[in-house]
Protein backbone atom coordinates (compact mmCIF):
# COMPACT_ATOMS: atom_id res chain seq x y z
CA UNK A 1 24.75 17.14 -1.41
CA UNK A 2 26.47 18.23 1.84
CA UNK A 3 26.28 21.83 3.25
CA UNK A 4 29.61 23.37 3.71
CA UNK A 5 30.90 26.55 5.44
CA UNK A 6 32.49 28.22 2.59
CA UNK A 7 32.59 31.49 4.32
CA UNK A 8 34.83 30.16 6.98
CA UNK A 9 36.94 27.80 4.61
CA UNK A 10 35.58 24.98 6.51
CA UNK A 11 35.27 21.45 5.03
CA UNK A 12 31.90 19.65 5.08
CA UNK A 13 31.03 18.28 8.52
CA UNK A 14 30.27 14.88 7.33
CA UNK A 15 33.60 14.64 5.59
CA UNK A 16 35.29 15.64 8.72
CA UNK A 17 33.33 13.11 10.87
CA UNK A 18 33.43 10.23 8.43
CA UNK A 19 36.53 10.52 6.21
CA UNK A 20 36.31 6.89 5.36
CA UNK A 21 33.03 7.02 3.50
CA UNK A 22 32.86 7.03 -0.37
CA UNK A 23 33.36 10.98 -1.36
CA UNK A 24 32.31 10.04 -4.82
CA UNK A 25 28.73 10.00 -3.65
CA UNK A 26 28.94 13.47 -2.06
CA UNK A 27 28.83 17.07 -3.38
CA UNK A 28 29.81 19.99 -1.18
CA UNK A 29 26.98 22.58 -1.22
CA UNK A 30 26.68 26.16 -0.12
CA UNK A 31 25.08 26.01 3.34
CA UNK A 32 22.63 28.92 2.71
CA UNK A 33 21.53 27.15 -0.62
CA UNK A 34 21.08 23.90 1.07
CA UNK A 35 18.96 25.11 3.95
CA UNK A 36 16.79 27.47 2.01
CA UNK A 37 16.31 27.44 -1.81
CA UNK A 38 17.49 23.91 -2.44
CA UNK A 39 15.34 22.89 0.57
CA UNK A 40 12.26 24.62 -1.01
CA UNK A 41 13.02 22.80 -4.35
CA UNK A 42 13.07 19.32 -2.62
CA UNK A 43 9.96 20.15 -0.63
CA UNK A 44 8.40 21.00 -4.00
CA UNK A 45 9.64 17.74 -5.38
CA UNK A 46 8.06 15.91 -2.45
CA UNK A 47 4.78 17.59 -2.96
CA UNK A 48 4.62 16.13 -6.48
CA UNK A 49 4.26 12.80 -4.97
CA UNK A 50 1.06 13.89 -3.75
CA UNK A 51 -0.34 14.87 -7.35
CA UNK A 52 1.36 12.26 -9.56
CA UNK A 53 1.49 8.53 -9.23
CA UNK A 54 5.25 8.27 -9.77
CA UNK A 55 8.23 10.83 -9.35
CA UNK A 56 11.73 10.14 -10.51
CA UNK A 57 14.48 12.52 -9.56
CA UNK A 58 18.27 12.78 -10.46
CA UNK A 59 20.44 15.39 -8.81
CA UNK A 60 24.07 16.13 -9.18
CA UNK A 61 26.91 18.75 -9.44
CA UNK A 62 27.85 20.84 -12.37
CA UNK A 63 31.15 22.79 -13.22
CA UNK A 64 29.98 25.64 -15.50
CA UNK A 65 32.10 28.24 -17.31
CA UNK A 66 31.89 32.02 -16.63
CA UNK A 67 32.94 34.88 -18.90
CA UNK A 68 35.66 37.22 -17.57
CA UNK A 69 35.63 40.89 -18.53
CA UNK A 70 38.08 40.35 -21.42
CA UNK A 71 35.53 37.89 -23.00
CA UNK A 72 37.48 34.91 -22.22
CA UNK A 73 35.69 31.88 -20.54
CA UNK A 74 36.82 29.76 -17.78
CA UNK A 75 35.69 26.94 -15.44
CA UNK A 76 36.80 27.88 -11.91
CA UNK A 77 35.85 26.35 -8.69
CA UNK A 78 36.81 26.21 -5.23
CA UNK A 79 38.40 23.25 -3.52
CA UNK A 80 38.13 22.52 0.18
CA UNK A 81 39.77 20.29 2.70
CA UNK A 82 43.16 18.40 2.64
CA UNK A 83 41.93 16.19 -0.20
CA UNK A 84 41.16 19.33 -2.23
CA UNK A 85 37.39 18.28 -2.82
CA UNK A 86 36.01 20.21 -5.63
CA UNK A 87 33.06 22.55 -4.80
CA UNK A 88 30.60 22.54 -7.92
CA UNK A 89 29.59 26.01 -9.31
CA UNK A 90 26.05 24.73 -9.94
CA UNK A 91 23.62 22.01 -9.05
CA UNK A 92 21.09 20.23 -11.22
CA UNK A 93 17.84 18.39 -10.71
CA UNK A 94 15.98 16.43 -13.10
CA UNK A 95 12.44 15.50 -12.44
CA UNK A 96 10.14 13.29 -14.18
CA UNK A 97 6.52 12.89 -12.96
CA UNK A 98 4.05 10.46 -14.29
CA UNK A 99 0.27 9.93 -13.94
CA UNK A 100 -1.25 6.58 -14.77
CA UNK A 101 -2.50 6.50 -18.44
CA UNK A 102 -0.84 9.95 -19.43
CA UNK A 103 2.35 11.10 -20.84
CA UNK A 104 5.21 11.85 -18.48
CA UNK A 105 6.18 15.42 -17.61
CA UNK A 106 9.62 16.69 -17.26
CA UNK A 107 11.43 19.58 -15.57
CA UNK A 108 15.12 20.13 -15.52
CA UNK A 109 16.62 22.77 -13.40
CA UNK A 110 20.23 24.23 -12.92
CA UNK A 111 20.85 26.38 -9.81
CA UNK A 112 23.91 28.28 -8.85
CA UNK A 113 25.65 26.68 -5.86
CA UNK A 114 25.37 29.92 -3.81
CA UNK A 115 22.77 31.85 -1.78
CA UNK A 116 19.55 32.55 -3.75
CA UNK A 117 16.79 34.86 -2.63
CA UNK A 118 13.80 32.66 -1.80
CA UNK A 119 11.59 34.83 -3.82
CA UNK A 120 13.38 33.78 -7.06
CA UNK A 121 10.94 31.83 -9.23
CA UNK A 122 11.98 28.39 -9.89
CA UNK A 123 11.30 28.84 -13.62
CA UNK A 124 14.31 31.22 -13.61
CA UNK A 125 16.49 28.12 -13.44
CA UNK A 126 14.58 26.05 -15.71
CA UNK A 127 16.68 24.45 -18.63
CA UNK A 128 16.36 21.58 -21.14
CA UNK A 129 17.30 18.01 -20.54
CA UNK A 130 19.92 18.31 -23.33
CA UNK A 131 21.47 21.27 -21.41
CA UNK A 132 22.05 19.26 -18.53
CA UNK A 133 23.27 16.37 -20.52
CA UNK A 134 25.94 18.72 -22.36
CA UNK A 135 27.07 20.22 -19.12
CA UNK A 136 27.22 16.97 -17.18
CA UNK A 137 28.77 15.02 -20.07
CA UNK A 138 26.12 12.22 -19.43
CA UNK A 139 23.13 10.88 -21.18
CA UNK A 140 20.29 10.76 -18.83
CA UNK A 141 16.69 8.85 -19.34
CA UNK A 142 17.74 7.24 -22.67
CA UNK A 143 14.33 5.35 -22.81
CA UNK A 144 12.31 8.41 -22.27
CA UNK A 145 10.41 9.42 -25.41
CA UNK A 146 11.22 13.20 -25.68
CA UNK A 147 8.91 13.81 -28.43
CA UNK A 148 5.96 13.02 -26.22
CA UNK A 149 7.08 14.29 -22.85
CA UNK A 150 5.27 17.35 -21.36
CA UNK A 151 6.71 20.46 -19.62
CA UNK A 152 6.36 19.93 -15.89
CA UNK A 153 5.84 23.57 -15.19
CA UNK A 154 3.10 23.76 -17.72
CA UNK A 155 1.41 20.80 -16.20
CA UNK A 156 2.06 21.65 -12.66
CA UNK A 157 2.93 25.17 -11.36
CA UNK A 158 6.55 25.19 -10.54
CA UNK A 159 6.35 27.37 -7.45
CA UNK A 160 8.46 27.27 -4.32
CA UNK A 161 7.33 28.18 -0.98
CA UNK A 162 9.48 29.20 2.04
CA UNK A 163 9.83 27.01 5.11
CA UNK A 164 7.49 29.61 7.01
CA UNK A 165 4.94 29.57 4.27
CA UNK A 166 4.87 25.68 4.18
CA UNK A 167 4.37 25.64 7.94
CA UNK A 168 1.49 28.13 7.78
CA UNK A 169 -0.16 26.05 5.05
CA UNK A 170 0.38 22.91 7.08
CA UNK A 171 -1.10 24.22 10.32
CA UNK A 172 -4.18 25.64 8.34
CA UNK A 173 -4.85 22.18 6.91
CA UNK A 174 -4.48 20.45 10.28
CA UNK A 175 -6.82 22.87 12.06
CA UNK A 176 -9.43 22.37 9.18
CA UNK A 177 -9.47 18.72 10.26
CA UNK A 178 -9.71 19.31 14.03
CA UNK A 179 -12.71 17.49 15.60
CA UNK A 180 -12.50 19.17 19.11
CA UNK A 181 -11.44 22.32 20.77
CA UNK A 182 -8.74 20.38 22.55
CA UNK A 183 -7.41 19.07 19.30
CA UNK A 184 -7.47 22.39 17.75
CA UNK A 185 -5.46 23.95 20.75
CA UNK A 186 -2.97 21.05 20.74
CA UNK A 187 -2.34 21.74 17.00
CA UNK A 188 -1.97 25.42 17.69
CA UNK A 189 0.19 24.70 20.66
CA UNK A 190 2.51 22.48 18.57
CA UNK A 191 2.76 24.91 15.82
CA UNK A 192 3.72 27.76 18.17
CA UNK A 193 6.86 25.88 19.18
CA UNK A 194 8.20 25.73 15.47
CA UNK A 195 9.66 29.28 15.53
CA UNK A 196 7.19 30.42 12.91
CA UNK A 197 5.20 33.71 13.38
CA UNK A 198 1.68 33.30 12.56
CA UNK A 199 0.18 35.83 10.20
CA UNK A 200 -3.28 37.45 10.72
CA UNK A 201 -4.92 35.11 8.36
CA UNK A 202 -3.66 31.99 9.90
CA UNK A 203 -4.46 33.38 13.39
CA UNK A 204 -7.93 34.28 12.33
CA UNK A 205 -8.39 30.64 10.89
CA UNK A 206 -7.36 29.19 14.32
CA UNK A 207 -9.91 31.50 16.08
CA UNK A 208 -12.65 30.82 13.58
CA UNK A 209 -12.14 26.87 13.94
CA UNK A 210 -12.01 26.89 17.59
CA UNK A 211 -15.11 29.10 17.94
CA UNK A 212 -17.03 26.89 15.78
CA UNK A 213 -15.89 23.80 17.53
CA UNK A 214 -16.79 25.26 20.98
CA UNK A 215 -20.23 26.37 19.82
CA UNK A 216 -20.89 22.81 18.47
CA UNK A 217 -19.61 21.19 21.80
CA UNK A 218 -21.85 23.47 23.62
CA UNK A 219 -25.03 22.71 21.60
CA UNK A 220 -24.25 19.03 21.96
CA UNK A 221 -23.89 19.36 25.69
């Protein structure tokens, strides 16, 4: 998936720079979607690798119909560049997460290829695997026993976090593992360079950790 500047009628940057590459493996994506909501979805998928033994992911483009005011349905999509590269109306992601000795879990999602408010719950876009297969015209995971598979969002909360929220969570975890005042200060300094404003809770956590480490160092001489 390649971010494109639709609002300025630009082609994808990678297609301009590397026109000789296999375009069949690329799919133009709304830039805002790519950098925000889709990025949060991919971050969620990476998080799954921390709580499951194996995670399998399939992503791709879809061209879905919409209904006009007169009730007629059409499949319409933008084309960009001199080669008239088709811009998908939607994007899908199929996720299979497995824990050793347990039945696999499955989540399938279809999101519009457009800006999406980051507060929109991921479950808004949850669909069945069969829906994606029908829309894509392709059979996925033929060896998966669909009678035994569990709903990913029932086993693991399907909640997305913004970049800012993830950075705050990251620095809190790092500070909790700091062994010295110097280490805590270096973590905080590094975090401050990330263009993310610390909330009062995160700032208080830093101060508490630093004060506790400072007291311990003074006691130990």
